[in-house]
């Protein structure tokens, strides 16, 4: 028989009791509560039935191309893909669908096998037969439902996105799918299709939202018809399925919602309306390569805020339902854009959906098996295309703040967009480093422009060019004052002891140092990414316990005068 420790023994040894109980407390605090569905909105936040924030951290899964089957099912079992989505940290999928799937009975009733046969994709049929035999002879609409069910079985939320009308690649100004009245975009048929899909998925708990239409565009687009038809579509979806979020896109490839600033959407229901926007590097052409990254970032962010970001300030949720980049890592335009995007996404803490899960397509624009370089998976849907990007995006998957995210008081974290890491410390004897944002320090940015540790008496200080930044207690000199400079608003600048202007930086070991500020203007060949930091509002608590120097009792320690003098030397 095994030995056991009596409760009376534990109570007489409180330190041992603490060592046993403390890990249990940590486990309880770090476990994620189940999301209470359905979702609704509370000002700019999406919340669950308990009023707690649910941050949509989604990935786009394409199902709107000619085969009208979710991509990748010839490569991997759908349940395995659903599990991989969870393993990668995503809590939802934006699942695309073509309107004709809901309005063209001849298309919807085709079996998966028949759809692929019509397109000559015989090898893909064999792959589906091997990996997903249960769907190969299902009608397309039933196969679509099977994917939603698989995601639901793995606790993945789904947003149904009406991506296009006629199945195929999206988007161009002249593809006939762009705006109400285009060749393939009959408004009455569209409302009929939205109603049918909302009805089919009424009662399917993991379907939490419906995006009414992707990337409105083309020569016919106009604000008057946008209000007319988007309001009709929203009402139709809500009438058929009152539990889902109703998500409205803007004009000009989902970049422009500026008209909503002065004319609210008029709906009979409340608590379900979300707006969506798209932002890619190529949205601004080759600006990130042709211009100075600081200046381009500042200009582009100002434009994003003018066209869509203002909605957050007005108290509406903004879902950035498409962003992404070439994950091979050698596209300078995309790399610079991503650094800017990550900084803004952390600061605004908006909901988002990455483009895309897809490693390769059955058939895209006439090419069989086209490799998707924006995809998380590689061509074979086996390995992750870029594991460092996946680590980086994990920093945005949990909310920094919002209703119910009250683990600790409001504070700042110092976020580094190029890595997706945050400034942290091991002890006061070790230099500050970058580490997971879940282990970040709690900082404050004071009216005197000092960056101080919350709950302590230490501030961030610049000492010498090329040397680590320090924590000190003399917080009134120039080296303790940090200005947010440059057009990007992501350089943190101070003065070294010799009077040189320096900026916070990161060395090759992820140590926080101060260096001469770089790439502030004009130079387009320079990359400022290592010196970009964002002071992000957060109410998340750190998952690690710091040394005793963090807490106020230092003031009561014996020899406190020595300690004050000791830290003043650095």
Protein backbone atom coordinates (compact mmCIF):
# COMPACT_ATOMS: atom_id res chain seq x y z
CA UNK A 1 0.00 0.00 0.00
CA UNK A 2 1.34 3.46 -0.87
CA UNK A 3 2.19 6.03 1.74
CA UNK A 4 0.14 9.21 2.18
CA UNK A 5 0.59 12.51 3.99
CA UNK A 6 -2.08 13.35 6.56
CA UNK A 7 -3.91 16.69 6.46
CA UNK A 8 -2.87 17.42 10.04
CA UNK A 9 0.76 17.00 9.02
CA UNK A 10 0.29 19.45 6.15
CA UNK A 11 -1.42 22.04 8.33
CA UNK A 12 1.49 21.91 10.74
CA UNK A 13 3.90 22.48 7.83
CA UNK A 14 2.40 25.45 5.96
CA UNK A 15 5.32 25.81 3.56
CA UNK A 16 4.85 22.26 2.31
CA UNK A 17 1.11 22.86 2.00
CA UNK A 18 1.80 25.96 -0.09
CA UNK A 19 4.14 24.05 -2.39
CA UNK A 20 1.42 21.47 -3.02
CA UNK A 21 -1.49 23.89 -3.45
CA UNK A 22 0.25 26.63 -5.45
CA UNK A 23 0.73 24.58 -8.68
CA UNK A 24 -2.95 23.59 -8.50
CA UNK A 25 -3.94 27.26 -8.31
CA UNK A 26 -1.74 28.05 -11.31
CA UNK A 27 -3.30 25.22 -13.35
CA UNK A 28 -6.81 26.42 -12.50
CA UNK A 29 -5.95 30.01 -13.40
CA UNK A 30 -4.40 29.06 -16.74
CA UNK A 31 -7.08 26.66 -17.94
CA UNK A 32 -9.26 28.15 -20.68
CA UNK A 33 -12.97 28.26 -19.89
CA UNK A 34 -15.35 26.91 -22.49
CA UNK A 35 -16.82 29.54 -24.79
CA UNK A 36 -20.51 30.09 -24.12
CA UNK A 37 -22.27 30.22 -27.48
CA UNK A 38 -23.96 31.96 -29.21
CA UNK A 39 -21.89 35.10 -29.58
CA UNK A 40 -23.08 38.70 -29.53
CA UNK A 41 -21.52 42.15 -29.40
CA UNK A 42 -20.87 44.60 -26.60
CA UNK A 43 -19.67 47.89 -28.04
CA UNK A 44 -16.49 47.07 -30.01
CA UNK A 45 -16.14 43.59 -28.50
CA UNK A 46 -17.48 40.18 -29.48
CA UNK A 47 -18.63 38.39 -26.33
CA UNK A 48 -20.05 35.03 -25.28
CA UNK A 49 -23.33 34.38 -23.50
CA UNK A 50 -21.66 35.28 -20.19
CA UNK A 51 -20.55 38.66 -21.51
CA UNK A 52 -16.88 37.67 -21.65
CA UNK A 53 -14.80 38.62 -24.64
CA UNK A 54 -14.22 36.03 -27.36
CA UNK A 55 -11.41 37.07 -29.68
CA UNK A 56 -11.84 35.62 -33.15
CA UNK A 57 -8.44 34.25 -34.09
CA UNK A 58 -9.39 32.57 -37.35
CA UNK A 59 -7.86 31.05 -40.43
CA UNK A 60 -9.47 31.08 -43.87
CA UNK A 61 -10.30 27.67 -45.33
CA UNK A 62 -11.17 27.90 -49.01
CA UNK A 63 -14.24 26.09 -50.34
CA UNK A 64 -15.43 28.42 -53.13
CA UNK A 65 -13.38 27.29 -56.13
CA UNK A 66 -14.68 25.20 -59.04
CA UNK A 67 -14.83 21.84 -57.21
CA UNK A 68 -16.87 23.48 -54.38
CA UNK A 69 -15.13 21.27 -51.81
CA UNK A 70 -12.96 22.43 -48.94
CA UNK A 71 -9.37 22.38 -50.13
CA UNK A 72 -6.95 19.75 -48.87
CA UNK A 73 -9.34 16.84 -48.40
CA UNK A 74 -7.46 14.84 -51.03
CA UNK A 75 -4.33 15.23 -48.90
CA UNK A 76 -5.49 14.72 -45.30
CA UNK A 77 -8.54 13.49 -43.35
CA UNK A 78 -10.78 16.42 -42.43
CA UNK A 79 -10.73 15.51 -38.74
CA UNK A 80 -6.95 15.62 -38.75
CA UNK A 81 -7.05 19.05 -40.41
CA UNK A 82 -9.56 20.26 -37.82
CA UNK A 83 -7.29 19.05 -35.04
CA UNK A 84 -4.27 20.71 -36.64
CA UNK A 85 -6.16 24.01 -36.73
CA UNK A 86 -6.68 23.72 -32.97
CA UNK A 87 -3.06 22.69 -32.43
CA UNK A 88 -1.95 25.82 -34.30
CA UNK A 89 -3.87 27.96 -31.82
CA UNK A 90 -6.79 29.09 -33.96
CA UNK A 91 -10.27 29.07 -32.47
CA UNK A 92 -12.28 29.59 -35.64
CA UNK A 93 -12.38 29.12 -39.39
CA UNK A 94 -13.71 31.53 -41.98
CA UNK A 95 -15.13 28.95 -44.37
CA UNK A 96 -15.77 30.31 -47.84
CA UNK A 97 -18.66 29.23 -50.08
CA UNK A 98 -20.02 30.25 -53.50
CA UNK A 99 -23.59 31.51 -53.74
CA UNK A 100 -24.52 28.88 -56.32
CA UNK A 101 -23.97 26.16 -53.73
CA UNK A 102 -27.15 27.43 -52.05
CA UNK A 103 -29.13 28.60 -55.07
CA UNK A 104 -28.28 26.16 -57.88
CA UNK A 105 -29.81 22.80 -57.02
CA UNK A 106 -28.03 21.07 -59.91
CA UNK A 107 -24.67 22.15 -58.48
CA UNK A 108 -25.51 21.49 -54.83
CA UNK A 109 -26.78 17.98 -55.63
CA UNK A 110 -23.65 16.96 -57.52
CA UNK A 111 -21.63 14.46 -55.54
CA UNK A 112 -18.04 15.22 -54.67
CA UNK A 113 -16.96 12.50 -57.10
CA UNK A 114 -19.06 13.97 -59.91
CA UNK A 115 -17.79 17.49 -59.30
CA UNK A 116 -14.18 16.38 -59.59
CA UNK A 117 -14.90 14.16 -62.59
CA UNK A 118 -16.43 17.08 -64.48
CA UNK A 119 -13.20 18.99 -63.93
CA UNK A 120 -10.94 16.06 -64.85
CA UNK A 121 -9.43 15.93 -61.35
CA UNK A 122 -9.17 12.17 -61.19
CA UNK A 123 -6.10 12.06 -58.95
CA UNK A 124 -7.87 14.25 -56.38
CA UNK A 125 -10.82 11.81 -56.36
CA UNK A 126 -8.42 9.04 -55.40
CA UNK A 127 -6.99 11.18 -52.62
CA UNK A 128 -10.43 11.96 -51.21
CA UNK A 129 -11.42 8.29 -51.50
CA UNK A 130 -8.36 7.42 -49.43
CA UNK A 131 -8.45 10.23 -46.85
CA UNK A 132 -12.15 11.08 -46.61
CA UNK A 133 -14.13 8.16 -48.04
CA UNK A 134 -17.30 9.16 -46.19
CA UNK A 135 -17.81 12.27 -48.34
CA UNK A 136 -16.77 11.13 -51.81
CA UNK A 137 -20.32 10.24 -52.83
CA UNK A 138 -22.10 12.91 -50.79
CA UNK A 139 -23.77 15.89 -52.49
CA UNK A 140 -21.59 19.00 -52.35
CA UNK A 141 -23.82 20.72 -49.81
CA UNK A 142 -23.64 17.68 -47.53
CA UNK A 143 -19.85 17.56 -47.87
CA UNK A 144 -19.75 21.24 -46.88
CA UNK A 145 -21.87 20.43 -43.84
CA UNK A 146 -19.53 17.56 -42.97
CA UNK A 147 -16.58 19.98 -42.81
CA UNK A 148 -18.52 22.30 -40.49
CA UNK A 149 -19.43 19.30 -38.31
CA UNK A 150 -15.81 18.15 -38.14
CA UNK A 151 -14.74 21.61 -37.00
CA UNK A 152 -17.54 21.62 -34.44
CA UNK A 153 -16.46 18.24 -33.09
CA UNK A 154 -13.08 19.84 -32.41
CA UNK A 155 -14.58 22.99 -30.81
CA UNK A 156 -13.68 25.23 -33.72
CA UNK A 157 -16.08 28.09 -34.42
CA UNK A 158 -17.09 28.72 -38.04
CA UNK A 159 -17.90 31.91 -39.92
CA UNK A 160 -19.65 31.19 -43.21
CA UNK A 161 -18.31 33.59 -45.82
CA UNK A 162 -20.22 34.10 -49.07
CA UNK A 163 -17.08 34.66 -51.08
CA UNK A 164 -18.39 34.76 -54.64
CA UNK A 165 -21.43 33.71 -56.71
CA UNK A 166 -20.07 31.53 -59.52
CA UNK A 167 -17.45 29.08 -58.19
CA UNK A 168 -13.92 30.18 -59.03
CA UNK A 169 -10.99 32.27 -57.89
CA UNK A 170 -11.72 35.71 -56.49
CA UNK A 171 -11.34 38.59 -57.16
CA UNK A 172 -11.17 41.10 -60.01
CA UNK A 173 -13.13 44.17 -61.02
CA UNK A 174 -14.42 42.41 -64.13
CA UNK A 175 -15.26 38.87 -62.99
CA UNK A 176 -19.00 39.47 -62.92
CA UNK A 177 -19.20 38.71 -59.18
CA UNK A 178 -18.25 42.10 -57.80
CA UNK A 179 -21.38 44.09 -57.01
CA UNK A 180 -25.15 43.94 -56.99
CA UNK A 181 -26.43 43.72 -60.56
CA UNK A 182 -23.25 42.21 -62.01
CA UNK A 183 -23.56 39.23 -64.38
CA UNK A 184 -23.40 36.63 -61.60
CA UNK A 185 -24.65 38.79 -58.73
CA UNK A 186 -28.41 39.01 -58.71
CA UNK A 187 -29.42 40.66 -55.40
CA UNK A 188 -32.66 38.68 -55.02
CA UNK A 189 -30.85 35.39 -55.65
CA UNK A 190 -28.17 36.45 -53.17
CA UNK A 191 -30.73 37.08 -50.43
CA UNK A 192 -32.33 33.74 -51.22
CA UNK A 193 -28.95 32.01 -50.89
CA UNK A 194 -28.10 33.76 -47.62
CA UNK A 195 -31.48 32.77 -46.22
CA UNK A 196 -31.01 29.15 -47.23
CA UNK A 197 -27.52 28.87 -45.70
CA UNK A 198 -28.66 30.61 -42.52
CA UNK A 199 -31.54 28.16 -42.29
CA UNK A 200 -29.41 25.08 -42.96
CA UNK A 201 -27.05 26.03 -40.13
CA UNK A 202 -29.67 27.27 -37.69
CA UNK A 203 -29.03 25.28 -34.53
CA UNK A 204 -25.47 24.31 -35.52
CA UNK A 205 -23.75 25.72 -32.46
CA UNK A 206 -20.27 26.24 -33.85
CA UNK A 207 -21.53 28.37 -36.75
CA UNK A 208 -21.22 31.70 -34.97
CA UNK A 209 -21.35 34.18 -37.83
CA UNK A 210 -22.19 34.79 -41.46
CA UNK A 211 -20.20 37.16 -43.63
CA UNK A 212 -22.68 38.43 -46.20
CA UNK A 213 -20.33 39.01 -49.13
CA UNK A 214 -16.61 39.10 -49.77
CA UNK A 215 -14.87 42.11 -51.37
CA UNK A 216 -17.59 44.18 -53.04
CA UNK A 217 -15.96 45.89 -56.01
CA UNK A 218 -16.17 46.91 -59.62
CA UNK A 219 -17.58 49.77 -61.69
CA UNK A 220 -21.13 49.37 -60.39
CA UNK A 221 -20.29 49.76 -56.70
CA UNK A 222 -21.99 52.65 -54.94
CA UNK A 223 -22.96 53.59 -51.39
CA UNK A 224 -26.72 53.83 -52.02
CA UNK A 225 -27.01 50.23 -53.21
CA UNK A 226 -24.64 49.09 -50.47
CA UNK A 227 -27.06 50.30 -47.78
CA UNK A 228 -30.09 49.00 -49.65
CA UNK A 229 -28.92 45.46 -50.20
CA UNK A 230 -26.60 44.90 -47.24
CA UNK A 231 -29.40 45.89 -44.87
CA UNK A 232 -31.81 43.53 -46.67
CA UNK A 233 -29.25 40.73 -46.53
CA UNK A 234 -28.56 41.34 -42.85
CA UNK A 235 -32.26 41.23 -42.01
CA UNK A 236 -32.73 38.04 -44.04
CA UNK A 237 -29.89 36.25 -42.24
CA UNK A 238 -31.05 37.37 -38.82
CA UNK A 239 -34.65 36.33 -39.52
CA UNK A 240 -33.52 32.85 -40.58
CA UNK A 241 -30.89 32.41 -37.87
CA UNK A 242 -31.04 35.01 -35.08
CA UNK A 243 -28.08 33.51 -33.18
CA UNK A 244 -25.32 34.23 -35.69
CA UNK A 245 -23.23 37.37 -35.94
CA UNK A 246 -24.02 39.31 -39.11
CA UNK A 247 -20.81 40.53 -40.73
CA UNK A 248 -20.81 43.34 -43.30
CA UNK A 249 -17.98 44.06 -45.72
CA UNK A 250 -17.19 47.38 -47.35
CA UNK A 251 -16.48 48.66 -50.85
CA UNK A 252 -13.33 48.63 -52.98
CA UNK A 253 -12.25 45.05 -52.19
CA UNK A 254 -13.36 45.42 -48.57
CA UNK A 255 -11.04 48.31 -47.83
CA UNK A 256 -13.58 51.12 -47.52
CA UNK A 257 -16.24 51.49 -44.85
CA UNK A 258 -15.68 55.22 -44.43
CA UNK A 259 -19.27 56.03 -45.43
CA UNK A 260 -20.55 54.33 -42.25
CA UNK A 261 -18.90 57.06 -40.17
CA UNK A 262 -21.73 59.49 -40.84
CA UNK A 263 -24.59 57.18 -41.78
CA UNK A 264 -25.30 54.25 -39.47
CA UNK A 265 -26.62 50.95 -40.75
CA UNK A 266 -30.34 50.76 -40.05
CA UNK A 267 -31.36 47.33 -38.73
CA UNK A 268 -34.24 46.04 -36.63
CA UNK A 269 -31.94 43.95 -34.41
CA UNK A 270 -29.04 44.80 -32.13
CA UNK A 271 -26.10 43.01 -30.56
CA UNK A 272 -25.16 41.01 -33.67
CA UNK A 273 -23.57 43.45 -36.13
CA UNK A 274 -19.87 43.19 -36.99
CA UNK A 275 -17.94 44.95 -39.77
CA UNK A 276 -15.07 43.37 -41.68
CA UNK A 277 -12.08 44.73 -43.59
CA UNK A 278 -9.12 43.36 -45.55
CA UNK A 279 -5.52 44.51 -45.44
CA UNK A 280 -2.61 42.99 -47.37
CA UNK A 281 0.84 44.20 -48.32
CA UNK A 282 -0.20 44.30 -51.97
CA UNK A 283 -3.16 46.51 -51.01
CA UNK A 284 -0.69 49.36 -51.42
CA UNK A 285 1.19 47.91 -54.38
CA UNK A 286 4.94 47.91 -53.89
CA UNK A 287 4.91 50.88 -51.51
CA UNK A 288 6.69 48.92 -48.78
CA UNK A 289 9.66 48.30 -51.08
CA UNK A 290 9.62 51.64 -52.87
CA UNK A 291 9.35 53.81 -49.75
CA UNK A 292 10.79 54.21 -46.28
CA UNK A 293 9.05 51.61 -44.06
CA UNK A 294 8.42 54.09 -41.22
CA UNK A 295 6.80 56.59 -43.51
CA UNK A 296 4.83 53.95 -45.42
CA UNK A 297 3.59 52.34 -42.20
CA UNK A 298 2.46 55.69 -40.83
CA UNK A 299 0.70 56.64 -44.04
CA UNK A 300 -0.96 53.24 -44.55
CA UNK A 301 -2.14 52.96 -40.93
CA UNK A 302 -3.64 56.45 -41.10
CA UNK A 303 -5.52 55.33 -44.20
CA UNK A 304 -6.70 52.08 -42.59
CA UNK A 305 -7.99 54.01 -39.59
CA UNK A 306 -9.75 56.52 -41.84
CA UNK A 307 -11.41 53.82 -43.97
CA UNK A 308 -12.29 51.20 -41.34
CA UNK A 309 -10.37 51.42 -38.06
CA UNK A 310 -12.53 54.31 -36.87
CA UNK A 311 -15.35 51.79 -36.31
CA UNK A 312 -13.59 50.56 -33.17
CA UNK A 313 -13.64 54.10 -31.82
CA UNK A 314 -17.33 54.33 -32.64
CA UNK A 315 -18.04 51.17 -30.66
CA UNK A 316 -18.37 48.54 -33.42
CA UNK A 317 -16.42 45.28 -33.68
CA UNK A 318 -14.01 45.25 -36.63
CA UNK A 319 -13.06 41.81 -37.95
CA UNK A 320 -9.99 41.93 -40.21
CA UNK A 321 -11.19 38.89 -42.09
CA UNK A 322 -8.26 38.70 -44.50
CA UNK A 323 -4.59 39.48 -44.07
CA UNK A 324 -1.54 37.45 -44.93
CA UNK A 325 1.81 37.28 -46.62
CA UNK A 326 4.16 35.12 -48.64
CA UNK A 327 5.33 32.68 -45.97
CA UNK A 328 8.50 31.74 -47.82
CA UNK A 329 9.89 34.82 -46.10
CA UNK A 330 11.72 36.36 -49.07
CA UNK A 331 9.12 38.94 -50.12
CA UNK A 332 10.44 42.27 -48.81
CA UNK A 333 7.14 44.06 -49.47
CA UNK A 334 5.21 41.51 -47.43
CA UNK A 335 7.80 41.30 -44.65
CA UNK A 336 7.75 45.04 -44.01
CA UNK A 337 3.97 45.14 -44.18
CA UNK A 338 3.70 42.32 -41.64
CA UNK A 339 5.84 44.19 -39.11
CA UNK A 340 3.49 47.14 -39.39
CA UNK A 341 0.37 44.96 -39.33
CA UNK A 342 1.42 43.05 -36.22
CA UNK A 343 2.05 46.29 -34.35
CA UNK A 344 -1.38 47.68 -35.19
CA UNK A 345 -3.14 44.34 -34.59
CA UNK A 346 -1.64 44.11 -31.11
CA UNK A 347 -2.38 47.74 -30.26
CA UNK A 348 -6.01 47.64 -31.44
CA UNK A 349 -6.50 44.02 -30.37
CA UNK A 350 -8.98 43.46 -33.20
CA UNK A 351 -10.46 40.15 -34.34
CA UNK A 352 -8.90 38.62 -37.44
CA UNK A 353 -8.69 35.77 -39.94
CA UNK A 354 -5.42 34.81 -41.60
CA UNK A 355 -5.29 33.99 -45.30
CA UNK A 356 -4.91 31.01 -45.50
CA UNK A 357 -4.86 27.43 -44.24
CA UNK A 358 -4.47 26.15 -47.80
CA UNK A 359 -1.18 24.56 -48.85
CA UNK A 360 -2.27 23.87 -52.43
CA UNK A 361 -5.45 23.93 -54.49
CA UNK A 362 -7.24 21.19 -56.39
CA UNK A 363 -7.63 23.65 -59.27
CA UNK A 364 -7.03 27.37 -59.29
CA UNK A 365 -7.19 29.56 -62.37
CA UNK A 366 -6.69 26.53 -64.63
CA UNK A 367 -3.67 25.18 -62.73
CA UNK A 368 -3.98 21.78 -61.03
CA UNK A 369 -2.27 21.56 -57.63
CA UNK A 370 -1.22 25.21 -57.51
CA UNK A 371 1.09 25.89 -54.55
CA UNK A 372 -0.28 28.57 -52.17
CA UNK A 373 2.66 30.48 -50.74
CA UNK A 374 0.38 32.37 -48.35
CA UNK A 375 -0.72 29.03 -46.88
CA UNK A 376 0.13 27.72 -43.43
CA UNK A 377 0.53 24.19 -44.77
CA UNK A 378 3.08 23.16 -47.36
CA UNK A 379 2.01 21.82 -50.76
CA UNK A 380 1.29 18.33 -49.38
CA UNK A 381 -0.71 19.63 -46.39
CA UNK A 382 1.66 17.74 -44.09
CA UNK A 383 4.16 20.19 -42.65
CA UNK A 384 3.91 23.81 -41.60
CA UNK A 385 5.31 26.09 -44.28
CA UNK A 386 6.84 28.57 -41.83
CA UNK A 387 6.94 27.50 -38.17
CA UNK A 388 8.46 30.79 -36.97
CA UNK A 389 5.50 32.69 -38.41
CA UNK A 390 3.15 30.38 -36.53
CA UNK A 391 5.01 31.12 -33.29
CA UNK A 392 4.84 34.82 -34.06
CA UNK A 393 1.11 34.89 -34.75
CA UNK A 394 0.41 33.06 -31.50
CA UNK A 395 1.01 36.40 -29.77
CA UNK A 396 -2.19 37.72 -31.35
CA UNK A 397 -4.40 34.70 -30.74
CA UNK A 398 -5.40 35.59 -27.17
CA UNK A 399 -7.05 38.88 -26.22
CA UNK A 400 -4.98 41.54 -24.50
CA UNK A 401 -8.10 43.11 -23.03
CA UNK A 402 -11.88 43.32 -23.23
CA UNK A 403 -14.91 42.35 -21.13
CA UNK A 404 -14.02 39.53 -18.75
CA UNK A 405 -10.26 39.78 -19.45
CA UNK A 406 -9.61 41.13 -15.98
CA UNK A 407 -6.86 38.92 -14.62
CA UNK A 408 -4.97 42.00 -13.47
CA UNK A 409 -5.19 45.79 -13.64
CA UNK A 410 -4.77 47.75 -16.85
CA UNK A 411 -1.12 48.04 -17.80
CA UNK A 412 1.16 48.13 -20.82
CA UNK A 413 3.18 45.38 -22.42
CA UNK A 414 6.13 46.28 -24.64
CA UNK A 415 5.37 44.34 -27.82
CA UNK A 416 7.91 43.64 -30.57
CA UNK A 417 6.02 43.15 -33.85
CA UNK A 418 8.92 41.62 -35.81
CA UNK A 419 9.06 38.65 -33.45
CA UNK A 420 5.65 38.62 -31.78
CA UNK A 421 7.45 38.67 -28.41
CA UNK A 422 7.32 41.06 -25.45
CA UNK A 423 9.94 42.61 -23.18
CA UNK A 424 10.49 40.61 -20.00
CA UNK A 425 13.08 40.12 -17.31
CA UNK A 426 14.41 37.15 -15.42
CA UNK A 427 15.79 39.19 -12.54
CA UNK A 428 17.33 42.59 -11.93
CA UNK A 429 20.77 41.09 -12.37
CA UNK A 430 19.98 39.85 -15.90
CA UNK A 431 19.40 42.07 -18.93
CA UNK A 432 15.92 42.57 -20.28
CA UNK A 433 15.07 40.18 -23.09
CA UNK A 434 12.28 39.29 -25.47
CA UNK A 435 10.05 36.39 -24.48
CA UNK A 436 6.50 35.12 -24.79
CA UNK A 437 3.91 37.82 -24.18
CA UNK A 438 2.20 35.47 -21.72
CA UNK A 439 5.26 36.03 -19.51
CA UNK A 440 5.49 39.76 -20.12
CA UNK A 441 6.12 42.37 -17.49
CA UNK A 442 3.38 44.82 -16.55
CA UNK A 443 4.57 48.32 -17.43
CA UNK A 444 3.12 51.80 -17.22
CA UNK A 445 3.82 54.74 -19.51
CA UNK A 446 3.56 57.80 -17.32
CA UNK A 447 2.63 61.39 -18.22
CA UNK A 448 6.32 62.17 -17.70
CA UNK A 449 7.09 59.63 -20.48
CA UNK A 450 8.83 57.15 -18.24
CA UNK A 451 8.30 53.42 -18.77
CA UNK A 452 8.03 51.94 -15.30
CA UNK A 453 7.39 48.50 -13.88
CA UNK A 454 3.93 48.31 -12.34
CA UNK A 455 4.01 47.51 -8.64
CA UNK A 456 7.67 48.45 -8.39
CA UNK A 457 9.89 51.51 -8.26
CA UNK A 458 12.01 50.87 -11.31
CA UNK A 459 11.95 52.43 -14.73
CA UNK A 460 13.49 51.64 -18.09
CA UNK A 461 16.72 53.53 -18.72
CA UNK A 462 19.05 54.12 -21.64
CA UNK A 463 22.70 54.14 -20.61
CA UNK A 464 25.14 53.49 -23.45
CA UNK A 465 24.94 53.07 -27.21
CA UNK A 466 25.04 49.40 -28.14
CA UNK A 467 24.59 48.25 -24.54
CA UNK A 468 21.64 46.68 -22.74
CA UNK A 469 18.86 48.90 -21.52
CA UNK A 470 18.70 49.00 -17.72
CA UNK A 471 16.19 49.19 -14.90
CA UNK A 472 16.94 51.92 -12.40
CA UNK A 473 15.31 53.99 -9.69
CA UNK A 474 16.48 57.45 -10.74
CA UNK A 475 13.64 58.17 -13.16
CA UNK A 476 13.96 61.92 -13.64
CA UNK A 477 16.98 62.17 -15.96
CA UNK A 478 16.95 62.26 -19.76
CA UNK A 479 17.84 58.58 -20.03
CA UNK A 480 14.59 57.65 -18.29
CA UNK A 481 12.37 59.61 -20.69
CA UNK A 482 11.07 57.72 -23.72
CA UNK A 483 9.50 59.49 -26.66
CA UNK A 484 7.36 57.64 -29.22
CA UNK A 485 8.82 58.91 -32.47
CA UNK A 486 8.80 58.34 -36.26
CA UNK A 487 5.82 58.14 -38.56
CA UNK A 488 5.20 54.53 -37.59
CA UNK A 489 4.86 55.55 -33.93
CA UNK A 490 6.90 52.48 -33.05
CA UNK A 491 10.33 53.88 -32.22
CA UNK A 492 10.92 54.38 -28.48
CA UNK A 493 13.64 57.02 -28.19
CA UNK A 494 15.71 58.28 -25.25
CA UNK A 495 19.12 59.78 -24.47
CA UNK A 496 22.26 57.82 -23.62
CA UNK A 497 24.58 59.07 -20.89
CA UNK A 498 26.73 60.89 -23.48
CA UNK A 499 23.69 62.74 -24.86
CA UNK A 500 23.32 60.62 -28.00
CA UNK A 501 19.76 60.00 -29.12
CA UNK A 502 19.11 56.27 -29.04
CA UNK A 503 16.22 53.92 -29.70
CA UNK A 504 15.20 50.69 -28.05
CA UNK A 505 16.50 47.77 -30.10
CA UNK A 506 17.01 44.00 -30.01
CA UNK A 507 20.34 42.27 -30.56
CA UNK A 508 20.96 38.83 -32.08
CA UNK A 509 20.38 37.18 -28.68
CA UNK A 510 17.02 38.90 -28.18
CA UNK A 511 18.55 41.13 -25.52
CA UNK A 512 17.01 44.60 -25.23
CA UNK A 513 19.66 47.19 -26.08
CA UNK A 514 19.80 50.85 -27.10
CA UNK A 515 21.24 51.80 -30.47
CA UNK A 516 21.32 54.82 -32.72
CA UNK A 517 17.82 55.25 -34.19
CA UNK A 518 17.63 53.94 -37.73
CA UNK A 519 15.43 54.27 -40.81
CA UNK A 520 13.43 57.20 -39.46
CA UNK A 521 12.84 58.72 -42.88
CA UNK A 522 13.74 58.76 -46.58
CA UNK A 523 15.99 55.68 -46.77
CA UNK A 524 13.99 52.91 -48.46
CA UNK A 525 16.73 50.29 -48.24
CA UNK A 526 16.77 50.33 -44.45
CA UNK A 527 14.60 47.98 -42.36
CA UNK A 528 13.61 49.38 -38.94
CA UNK A 529 11.90 46.17 -37.77
CA UNK A 530 14.25 45.41 -34.88
CA UNK A 531 13.55 48.89 -33.41
CA UNK A 532 9.78 48.78 -33.73
CA UNK A 533 7.95 48.38 -30.42
CA UNK A 534 4.34 48.98 -29.40
CA UNK A 535 3.13 49.91 -25.92
CA UNK A 536 0.00 47.77 -25.84
CA UNK A 537 -2.82 48.08 -23.31
CA UNK A 538 -3.44 44.79 -21.52
CA UNK A 539 -5.28 43.33 -18.57
CA UNK A 540 -3.78 39.85 -18.98
CA UNK A 541 -1.68 38.57 -16.13
CA UNK A 542 1.73 37.00 -16.57
CA UNK A 543 1.92 33.23 -16.22
CA UNK A 544 5.26 33.42 -14.45
CA UNK A 545 6.27 34.56 -10.99
CA UNK A 546 9.02 37.18 -10.81
CA UNK A 547 11.65 37.78 -8.18
CA UNK A 548 10.81 39.60 -4.97
CA UNK A 549 12.34 42.83 -6.31
CA UNK A 550 9.12 43.44 -8.28
CA UNK A 551 7.03 44.08 -5.21
CA UNK A 552 6.66 47.01 -2.85
CA UNK A 553 8.09 45.21 0.21
CA UNK A 554 11.56 46.10 -1.09
CA UNK A 555 11.03 49.39 0.73
CA UNK A 556 10.85 47.54 4.01
CA UNK A 557 13.86 45.31 3.51
CA UNK A 558 16.80 45.62 5.90
CA UNK A 559 19.56 47.60 4.24
CA UNK A 560 17.15 49.26 1.86
CA UNK A 561 19.38 52.33 1.60
CA UNK A 562 22.17 50.15 0.26
CA UNK A 563 19.85 48.67 -2.36
CA UNK A 564 18.67 52.10 -3.52
CA UNK A 565 22.30 53.23 -3.85
CA UNK A 566 23.32 49.98 -5.53
CA UNK A 567 20.80 50.34 -8.35
CA UNK A 568 21.59 54.00 -8.72
CA UNK A 569 25.12 53.07 -9.84
CA UNK A 570 23.90 51.46 -13.10
